[in-house]
N, C-alpha and C. Protein backbone atom coordinates (compact mmCIF):
# COMPACT_ATOMS: atom_id res chain seq x y z
N MET A 1 -19.00 64.15 17.66
CA MET A 1 -17.77 64.83 18.01
C MET A 1 -17.48 63.95 19.30
N ILE A 2 -18.54 63.88 19.96
CA ILE A 2 -18.13 63.47 21.42
C ILE A 2 -17.31 62.00 21.43
N GLY A 3 -17.55 60.89 20.54
CA GLY A 3 -17.34 60.05 20.34
C GLY A 3 -15.59 59.97 20.03
N TYR A 4 -15.61 60.82 18.51
CA TYR A 4 -14.27 60.80 18.41
C TYR A 4 -13.48 61.35 19.77
N LEU A 5 -13.78 62.40 20.43
CA LEU A 5 -12.80 63.11 21.67
C LEU A 5 -12.84 61.64 22.50
N LEU A 6 -13.75 60.86 22.60
CA LEU A 6 -13.51 59.57 23.65
C LEU A 6 -12.38 58.45 23.16
N ARG A 7 -12.52 58.29 21.44
CA ARG A 7 -11.64 57.68 20.98
C ARG A 7 -10.18 58.35 21.07
N THR A 8 -9.73 59.49 20.80
CA THR A 8 -9.03 60.33 21.13
C THR A 8 -8.20 59.81 22.41
N GLY A 9 -8.92 60.05 23.51
CA GLY A 9 -8.66 59.57 24.90
C GLY A 9 -8.00 58.34 25.03
N VAL A 10 -8.76 57.36 24.50
CA VAL A 10 -8.39 55.88 25.12
C VAL A 10 -7.16 55.54 24.06
N PHE A 11 -7.20 56.22 22.80
CA PHE A 11 -5.92 56.17 21.96
C PHE A 11 -4.75 56.33 22.87
N LEU A 12 -4.99 57.73 23.25
CA LEU A 12 -3.82 58.42 24.04
C LEU A 12 -3.18 57.36 25.39
N ALA A 13 -4.60 57.05 26.15
CA ALA A 13 -4.27 56.52 27.21
C ALA A 13 -3.45 55.38 26.81
N ARG A 14 -3.88 54.42 26.39
CA ARG A 14 -3.17 53.07 25.24
C ARG A 14 -1.99 53.22 25.10
N ALA A 15 -1.37 54.38 24.26
CA ALA A 15 -0.28 54.39 23.62
C ALA A 15 0.72 55.28 24.88
N ALA A 16 -0.02 55.88 25.86
CA ALA A 16 1.06 56.36 27.33
C ALA A 16 1.74 54.94 27.80
N VAL A 17 0.80 54.01 27.89
CA VAL A 17 0.85 52.69 28.45
C VAL A 17 1.93 51.76 28.03
N SER A 18 1.85 52.39 26.28
CA SER A 18 2.69 51.03 25.83
C SER A 18 4.11 51.13 25.78
N SER A 19 4.91 50.29 25.21
CA SER A 19 6.40 50.33 25.03
C SER A 19 6.56 51.25 24.36
N ARG A 20 7.53 51.88 24.22
CA ARG A 20 8.07 52.82 22.83
C ARG A 20 8.54 51.85 21.52
N ALA A 21 7.98 52.37 20.44
CA ALA A 21 7.81 51.85 19.15
C ALA A 21 7.69 52.08 17.75
N PRO A 22 8.27 51.96 16.67
CA PRO A 22 8.42 52.77 15.97
C PRO A 22 6.96 53.11 14.96
N VAL A 23 6.38 51.85 15.35
CA VAL A 23 5.19 51.31 14.47
C VAL A 23 4.16 51.31 15.04
N SER A 24 3.09 51.91 15.08
CA SER A 24 1.79 52.10 15.61
C SER A 24 0.74 51.10 14.65
N ARG A 25 0.39 49.88 15.41
CA ARG A 25 -0.91 49.10 14.80
C ARG A 25 -1.62 48.96 16.26
N ARG A 26 -3.00 49.70 15.54
CA ARG A 26 -4.01 49.87 16.48
C ARG A 26 -4.95 49.12 15.83
N GLY A 27 -5.79 47.71 16.43
CA GLY A 27 -7.54 47.45 16.01
C GLY A 27 -8.11 48.26 16.26
N MET A 28 -9.36 48.64 15.44
CA MET A 28 -10.55 49.54 15.94
C MET A 28 -11.71 48.72 14.93
N ARG A 29 -12.84 49.45 14.63
CA ARG A 29 -13.49 48.68 14.36
C ARG A 29 -14.64 49.96 13.68
N VAL A 30 -15.40 49.83 12.47
CA VAL A 30 -16.27 51.05 11.73
C VAL A 30 -17.02 51.27 12.95
N GLN A 31 -17.13 52.50 13.32
CA GLN A 31 -18.28 53.42 14.43
C GLN A 31 -19.47 53.21 13.71
N LEU A 32 -20.81 53.29 13.72
CA LEU A 32 -21.63 53.49 12.94
C LEU A 32 -22.18 54.85 12.37
N GLY A 33 -21.46 55.83 13.54
CA GLY A 33 -21.50 57.15 12.80
C GLY A 33 -20.99 57.64 12.03
N ASP A 34 -20.01 56.42 11.38
CA ASP A 34 -19.01 56.75 10.13
C ASP A 34 -19.23 56.36 9.10
N VAL A 35 -20.85 55.67 9.07
CA VAL A 35 -21.08 55.20 8.11
C VAL A 35 -22.06 55.71 7.22
N ASP A 36 -21.81 56.10 5.72
CA ASP A 36 -22.90 56.91 4.97
C ASP A 36 -24.19 56.11 4.40
N THR A 37 -24.89 56.80 3.26
CA THR A 37 -25.71 56.23 2.80
C THR A 37 -25.46 55.27 2.08
N ASN A 38 -24.28 54.82 1.87
CA ASN A 38 -23.91 53.52 1.10
C ASN A 38 -23.49 52.18 1.83
N LEU A 39 -23.83 52.38 2.92
CA LEU A 39 -23.46 51.52 3.87
C LEU A 39 -22.23 51.08 4.14
N HIS A 40 -21.46 52.04 3.90
CA HIS A 40 -19.71 51.83 4.22
C HIS A 40 -19.64 52.97 5.07
N MET A 41 -18.27 52.90 5.22
CA MET A 41 -17.33 54.35 5.99
C MET A 41 -16.95 55.37 5.19
N ASN A 42 -17.55 56.54 5.88
CA ASN A 42 -17.52 57.38 4.73
C ASN A 42 -16.09 58.22 4.50
N GLN A 43 -15.85 59.08 3.79
CA GLN A 43 -14.48 59.55 3.12
C GLN A 43 -13.84 60.17 4.48
N ALA A 44 -14.51 61.15 4.89
CA ALA A 44 -14.41 62.00 6.08
C ALA A 44 -13.74 60.73 7.34
N ALA A 45 -14.10 60.05 7.55
CA ALA A 45 -14.02 58.93 8.49
C ALA A 45 -12.77 58.39 8.79
N TYR A 46 -12.43 58.01 7.33
CA TYR A 46 -11.03 57.44 7.03
C TYR A 46 -9.86 58.57 7.49
N ALA A 47 -9.86 59.55 7.60
CA ALA A 47 -8.96 60.60 7.51
C ALA A 47 -8.89 61.02 9.27
N ARG A 48 -10.10 60.78 9.81
CA ARG A 48 -9.92 60.73 11.46
C ARG A 48 -9.32 59.26 12.21
N VAL A 49 -9.64 58.55 11.05
CA VAL A 49 -9.31 57.16 11.52
C VAL A 49 -7.50 57.52 11.93
N ALA A 50 -6.54 57.96 10.27
CA ALA A 50 -5.63 57.89 10.13
C ALA A 50 -5.04 59.20 11.15
N GLU A 51 -5.97 60.08 11.66
CA GLU A 51 -5.23 60.65 12.60
C GLU A 51 -5.53 60.09 14.03
N LEU A 52 -6.45 59.18 14.28
CA LEU A 52 -6.14 58.33 15.66
C LEU A 52 -4.53 57.62 15.35
N GLY A 53 -4.30 57.32 14.31
CA GLY A 53 -3.02 56.14 14.02
C GLY A 53 -2.19 57.26 14.39
N ARG A 54 -1.95 58.15 14.00
CA ARG A 54 -1.21 59.68 14.18
C ARG A 54 -0.96 59.58 15.61
N VAL A 55 -1.61 60.01 16.15
CA VAL A 55 -1.71 60.29 17.78
C VAL A 55 -1.46 59.41 18.49
N ASP A 56 -1.64 57.91 17.89
CA ASP A 56 -0.98 56.73 18.78
C ASP A 56 0.74 56.71 17.90
N TRP A 57 0.88 56.72 16.93
CA TRP A 57 2.02 56.91 16.64
C TRP A 57 2.74 57.78 17.13
N LEU A 58 2.54 59.19 17.48
CA LEU A 58 3.00 60.25 18.08
C LEU A 58 3.66 59.77 19.21
N VAL A 59 2.68 59.54 20.10
CA VAL A 59 2.95 59.10 21.50
C VAL A 59 3.82 58.03 21.86
N CYS A 60 3.66 56.74 20.56
CA CYS A 60 4.26 55.48 21.07
C CYS A 60 6.02 55.57 21.01
N SER A 61 6.02 56.43 19.48
CA SER A 61 7.28 56.43 19.11
C SER A 61 8.54 57.64 19.95
N GLY A 62 7.68 58.51 20.72
CA GLY A 62 8.46 59.28 21.43
C GLY A 62 8.70 60.70 20.89
N ALA A 63 7.87 60.60 19.14
CA ALA A 63 8.38 61.89 18.71
C ALA A 63 7.63 63.02 18.87
N LEU A 64 6.46 62.61 19.88
CA LEU A 64 5.51 63.63 20.45
C LEU A 64 6.03 64.65 21.71
N LYS A 65 7.05 63.38 22.15
CA LYS A 65 7.80 64.47 23.49
C LYS A 65 8.66 64.86 23.33
N ARG A 66 9.46 64.09 22.06
CA ARG A 66 10.83 65.05 21.76
C ARG A 66 10.56 66.22 21.05
N TRP A 67 9.39 66.10 20.14
CA TRP A 67 9.28 67.63 19.47
C TRP A 67 8.35 68.80 20.50
N ARG A 68 7.78 68.32 21.60
CA ARG A 68 7.56 69.23 22.38
C ARG A 68 8.69 69.77 23.27
N ALA A 69 9.53 68.86 23.38
CA ALA A 69 10.86 69.07 24.36
C ALA A 69 11.68 70.27 23.49
N GLU A 70 11.43 70.28 22.45
CA GLU A 70 12.15 71.00 21.01
C GLU A 70 11.67 72.15 20.65
N GLY A 71 10.09 72.25 21.45
CA GLY A 71 9.20 73.63 21.11
C GLY A 71 8.63 73.45 20.02
N CYS A 72 8.41 72.00 19.35
CA CYS A 72 7.73 72.23 17.63
C CYS A 72 6.52 71.49 17.83
N ASN A 73 5.80 71.88 17.02
CA ASN A 73 4.10 71.23 16.74
C ASN A 73 4.38 70.33 15.16
N PRO A 74 3.99 69.06 15.25
CA PRO A 74 3.64 68.57 13.80
C PRO A 74 2.44 69.56 13.16
N ILE A 75 2.29 69.73 11.83
CA ILE A 75 1.23 70.40 11.51
C ILE A 75 1.23 69.28 9.72
N VAL A 76 -0.25 68.85 9.91
CA VAL A 76 -0.57 68.60 8.37
C VAL A 76 -0.23 69.33 7.31
N ALA A 77 0.80 68.79 6.45
CA ALA A 77 1.02 70.19 4.96
C ALA A 77 0.40 69.37 3.82
N GLU A 78 0.28 68.26 3.89
CA GLU A 78 -0.64 67.21 2.87
C GLU A 78 -1.05 66.05 3.15
N GLN A 79 -2.18 65.66 2.51
CA GLN A 79 -2.90 64.27 2.88
C GLN A 79 -3.06 63.71 1.76
N ARG A 80 -3.08 62.50 1.18
CA ARG A 80 -3.81 61.54 0.11
C ARG A 80 -3.98 60.48 0.45
N LEU A 81 -5.75 60.38 -0.04
CA LEU A 81 -5.96 58.74 0.40
C LEU A 81 -6.39 58.05 -0.72
N VAL A 82 -6.19 56.89 -0.33
CA VAL A 82 -6.44 55.82 -1.93
C VAL A 82 -7.09 54.94 -1.45
N TYR A 83 -8.68 54.68 -1.93
CA TYR A 83 -9.93 53.78 -1.50
C TYR A 83 -9.23 52.58 -2.38
N ARG A 84 -9.40 51.67 -1.99
CA ARG A 84 -9.19 50.24 -2.75
C ARG A 84 -10.51 49.19 -2.42
N ARG A 85 -10.45 49.12 -0.95
CA ARG A 85 -11.88 48.23 -0.83
C ARG A 85 -12.43 48.96 0.14
N GLU A 86 -14.13 48.85 0.52
CA GLU A 86 -14.95 49.42 1.21
C GLU A 86 -14.65 49.01 2.98
N LEU A 87 -14.95 49.50 3.82
CA LEU A 87 -15.25 48.82 5.04
C LEU A 87 -16.52 49.43 5.57
N ARG A 88 -17.05 48.12 5.88
CA ARG A 88 -18.38 48.12 6.50
C ARG A 88 -18.62 48.59 7.98
N PRO A 89 -19.88 48.69 7.98
CA PRO A 89 -20.78 48.65 9.44
C PRO A 89 -20.05 47.87 10.54
N LEU A 90 -19.45 48.14 11.71
CA LEU A 90 -18.81 47.57 12.58
C LEU A 90 -18.00 46.36 12.20
N GLN A 91 -17.36 46.43 11.03
CA GLN A 91 -16.10 45.68 10.42
C GLN A 91 -15.08 46.34 11.08
N ARG A 92 -13.93 44.79 11.83
CA ARG A 92 -12.94 45.57 12.32
C ARG A 92 -11.75 45.36 11.50
N PHE A 93 -10.76 46.10 11.91
CA PHE A 93 -9.45 46.53 10.75
C PHE A 93 -8.63 47.07 11.74
N VAL A 94 -7.43 46.94 11.46
CA VAL A 94 -6.48 47.80 12.24
C VAL A 94 -5.63 48.79 10.92
N VAL A 95 -5.47 49.82 11.73
CA VAL A 95 -4.49 51.06 11.00
C VAL A 95 -3.22 50.64 11.65
N ASP A 96 -2.12 50.85 10.64
CA ASP A 96 -0.61 50.66 10.86
C ASP A 96 -0.32 52.02 10.44
N THR A 97 0.69 52.61 11.31
CA THR A 97 0.64 54.08 11.25
C THR A 97 2.50 53.96 11.14
N ARG A 98 3.33 54.50 10.32
CA ARG A 98 4.48 54.72 10.52
C ARG A 98 5.55 55.82 9.65
N ALA A 99 6.40 56.41 10.19
CA ALA A 99 7.02 57.61 9.20
C ALA A 99 7.89 56.98 8.30
N VAL A 100 7.88 57.08 6.82
CA VAL A 100 8.77 56.33 6.16
C VAL A 100 9.89 56.86 5.51
N ALA A 101 9.64 58.31 5.32
CA ALA A 101 10.83 58.94 4.65
C ALA A 101 10.74 60.55 5.33
N ILE A 102 11.78 61.49 4.91
CA ILE A 102 11.97 62.96 4.94
C ILE A 102 11.89 63.53 3.60
N ASP A 103 11.04 64.21 3.19
CA ASP A 103 11.27 65.21 1.53
C ASP A 103 11.58 66.77 1.94
N GLY A 104 12.72 67.04 2.42
CA GLY A 104 12.98 68.35 2.52
C GLY A 104 12.54 68.52 3.78
N ARG A 105 11.59 69.39 4.01
CA ARG A 105 11.03 69.72 5.12
C ARG A 105 9.68 68.97 6.10
N LEU A 106 9.31 68.19 4.95
CA LEU A 106 8.01 67.22 5.55
C LEU A 106 8.63 65.86 5.86
N LEU A 107 8.09 65.43 6.68
CA LEU A 107 7.90 63.95 7.16
C LEU A 107 7.01 63.42 6.33
N ARG A 108 7.29 61.98 5.99
CA ARG A 108 5.81 61.34 5.46
C ARG A 108 5.71 60.37 6.51
N VAL A 109 4.38 60.02 6.92
CA VAL A 109 3.86 59.15 7.40
C VAL A 109 2.68 58.60 6.79
N ASP A 110 3.13 57.03 6.76
CA ASP A 110 1.94 56.04 5.80
C ASP A 110 0.77 55.47 7.09
N HIS A 111 -0.44 55.52 6.51
CA HIS A 111 -0.90 55.33 7.03
C HIS A 111 -2.23 54.12 6.21
N HIS A 112 -1.76 52.41 6.65
CA HIS A 112 -2.71 51.40 6.04
C HIS A 112 -3.67 51.11 7.10
N LEU A 113 -4.96 50.92 6.43
CA LEU A 113 -5.75 50.27 6.85
C LEU A 113 -6.19 48.91 6.32
N LEU A 114 -6.08 47.96 7.28
CA LEU A 114 -5.96 46.30 6.83
C LEU A 114 -6.82 45.54 7.40
N VAL A 115 -7.57 44.58 6.56
CA VAL A 115 -8.08 43.64 7.09
C VAL A 115 -7.27 42.49 7.18
N GLY A 116 -7.06 41.76 7.91
CA GLY A 116 -5.91 40.77 7.50
C GLY A 116 -4.72 41.33 7.14
N ASP A 117 -4.30 40.74 5.96
CA ASP A 117 -3.25 40.87 4.87
C ASP A 117 -3.92 42.31 3.82
N ARG A 118 -4.88 42.24 3.44
CA ARG A 118 -5.59 43.07 2.56
C ARG A 118 -5.76 44.73 3.08
N VAL A 119 -5.24 45.50 1.97
CA VAL A 119 -5.35 47.02 2.14
C VAL A 119 -6.37 47.31 1.55
N HIS A 120 -7.25 47.92 2.34
CA HIS A 120 -8.40 48.55 2.10
C HIS A 120 -8.49 50.13 1.80
N THR A 121 -7.40 50.76 2.42
CA THR A 121 -7.07 52.23 2.42
C THR A 121 -5.89 52.47 2.96
N VAL A 122 -5.20 53.80 1.67
CA VAL A 122 -3.59 53.97 2.04
C VAL A 122 -3.79 55.47 2.44
N VAL A 123 -3.71 56.27 3.40
CA VAL A 123 -3.83 57.46 3.73
C VAL A 123 -2.12 57.99 3.95
N GLU A 124 -1.74 58.83 2.91
CA GLU A 124 0.15 59.07 2.80
C GLU A 124 -0.42 60.67 3.41
N VAL A 125 0.51 60.68 4.33
CA VAL A 125 0.45 62.55 5.19
C VAL A 125 1.86 62.78 4.98
N LYS A 126 2.08 64.49 4.83
CA LYS A 126 3.10 65.17 4.84
C LYS A 126 3.04 66.14 6.28
N LEU A 127 3.89 65.73 7.20
CA LEU A 127 3.80 67.13 7.96
C LEU A 127 4.77 67.98 8.22
N LEU A 128 4.74 68.96 8.40
CA LEU A 128 5.50 69.91 8.57
C LEU A 128 5.91 70.41 10.11
N LEU A 129 7.31 70.21 10.45
CA LEU A 129 7.42 70.97 11.96
C LEU A 129 7.64 72.12 12.29
N VAL A 130 6.60 72.91 12.95
CA VAL A 130 6.50 74.20 13.10
C VAL A 130 7.11 74.47 14.95
N GLY A 131 8.28 75.31 14.53
CA GLY A 131 8.86 75.65 16.25
C GLY A 131 8.59 76.96 16.17
N PRO A 132 9.42 77.88 17.39
CA PRO A 132 8.94 79.19 17.97
C PRO A 132 9.23 80.30 16.81
N GLU A 133 10.19 79.70 15.51
CA GLU A 133 10.40 80.90 14.57
C GLU A 133 9.87 80.22 13.50
N GLY A 134 8.89 79.22 13.38
CA GLY A 134 8.44 78.65 11.94
C GLY A 134 8.67 77.68 11.56
N VAL A 135 8.21 77.20 10.55
CA VAL A 135 8.75 75.87 9.77
C VAL A 135 10.15 75.29 10.09
N LEU A 136 10.57 74.23 10.77
CA LEU A 136 11.78 73.87 10.71
C LEU A 136 12.16 73.60 9.45
N SER A 137 13.93 73.95 9.37
CA SER A 137 14.63 73.89 8.21
C SER A 137 14.59 72.14 7.51
N ALA A 138 15.05 71.96 6.78
CA ALA A 138 15.46 70.47 5.97
C ALA A 138 16.23 69.79 6.98
N GLU A 139 17.33 70.55 7.66
CA GLU A 139 18.39 69.80 8.26
C GLU A 139 17.59 69.78 9.61
N ARG A 140 17.06 70.73 10.26
CA ARG A 140 16.45 70.19 11.59
C ARG A 140 15.48 69.23 11.83
N VAL A 141 14.67 69.18 10.34
CA VAL A 141 13.66 68.21 10.37
C VAL A 141 14.46 66.65 10.45
N ALA A 142 15.42 66.53 9.44
CA ALA A 142 16.32 65.16 9.31
C ALA A 142 16.88 65.09 10.70
N GLU A 143 17.28 66.31 11.33
CA GLU A 143 18.12 65.53 12.50
C GLU A 143 17.01 65.38 13.77
N SER A 144 15.72 65.89 13.67
CA SER A 144 15.09 65.80 14.95
C SER A 144 14.06 63.95 14.39
N CYS A 145 13.90 63.80 13.14
CA CYS A 145 12.98 62.69 12.96
C CYS A 145 14.46 61.50 12.51
N ARG A 146 15.58 61.55 12.47
CA ARG A 146 16.70 60.49 12.23
C ARG A 146 16.19 59.23 12.71
N ASP A 147 16.02 58.85 13.73
CA ASP A 147 15.59 57.68 14.27
C ASP A 147 14.28 57.41 14.42
N LEU A 148 13.39 57.84 14.01
CA LEU A 148 12.13 57.92 13.85
C LEU A 148 11.72 57.12 12.40
N LEU A 149 12.32 57.00 11.60
CA LEU A 149 11.63 56.73 10.24
C LEU A 149 12.22 54.86 10.44
N VAL A 150 11.50 53.98 9.53
CA VAL A 150 11.35 52.70 9.28
C VAL A 150 10.90 52.46 8.28
N PRO A 151 11.36 50.91 7.85
CA PRO A 151 10.85 50.98 6.18
C PRO A 151 9.27 50.88 5.73
N ALA A 152 9.04 51.31 4.91
CA ALA A 152 7.80 51.07 4.37
C ALA A 152 7.06 49.94 4.34
N LEU A 153 6.01 49.70 4.37
CA LEU A 153 4.94 48.39 4.58
C LEU A 153 5.03 48.36 3.18
N VAL A 154 5.63 46.96 2.82
CA VAL A 154 5.92 46.31 1.42
C VAL A 154 4.04 45.52 1.41
N VAL A 155 3.96 46.25 0.32
CA VAL A 155 2.02 45.93 -0.19
C VAL A 155 2.47 45.57 -1.74
N GLU A 156 1.83 44.59 -1.94
CA GLU A 156 2.07 44.24 -3.65
C GLU A 156 0.47 43.73 -3.84
N ASP A 157 0.31 44.51 -5.17
CA ASP A 157 -1.45 43.86 -5.27
C ASP A 157 -2.52 44.35 -4.26
N TRP A 158 -2.35 45.17 -3.42
CA TRP A 158 -2.82 45.68 -2.36
C TRP A 158 -2.76 44.45 -1.10
N ILE A 159 -2.21 43.77 -1.12
CA ILE A 159 -2.09 42.88 -0.26
C ILE A 159 -0.30 43.10 0.55
N VAL A 160 -0.64 43.15 1.87
CA VAL A 160 0.65 42.80 2.71
C VAL A 160 1.52 41.93 2.60
N ARG A 161 2.97 42.08 2.06
CA ARG A 161 3.96 41.24 1.94
C ARG A 161 4.92 41.45 3.12
N GLY A 162 5.38 40.06 3.64
CA GLY A 162 6.52 40.38 4.68
C GLY A 162 6.36 40.47 6.05
């Protein structure tokens, strides 16, 4: 838990000094505490890594500052993980995080865990924006997220293209 808090703090500090960008790409390494008995990163660690990428994206994209000013908080409503290749102890990888679509009241954020151009895992997260009066309407979500969306990462046969 302490390690996770320290990593979150490092991500926040890095994001605070980074230039504003709609895509977050952060290098990481598989921590020994995230390894299971099969000697690869366990499934819970993938969700934590995606959350770190999302924190970085929230700060770097300016979304967190905007939503806080509007009195909104992003809440994970749905999360889907697709595992393709394992990540081994101490292996370096990059987490690519970007907002790619709006589906009604949900903002879809994609996380790709990459080693080189090879996709090891995809984490698709759908966020609800909750304000003082509850979940924002589809119109308010579209308005609040209009300049945060970027094209999805192009992946063919689990390899990043372009």
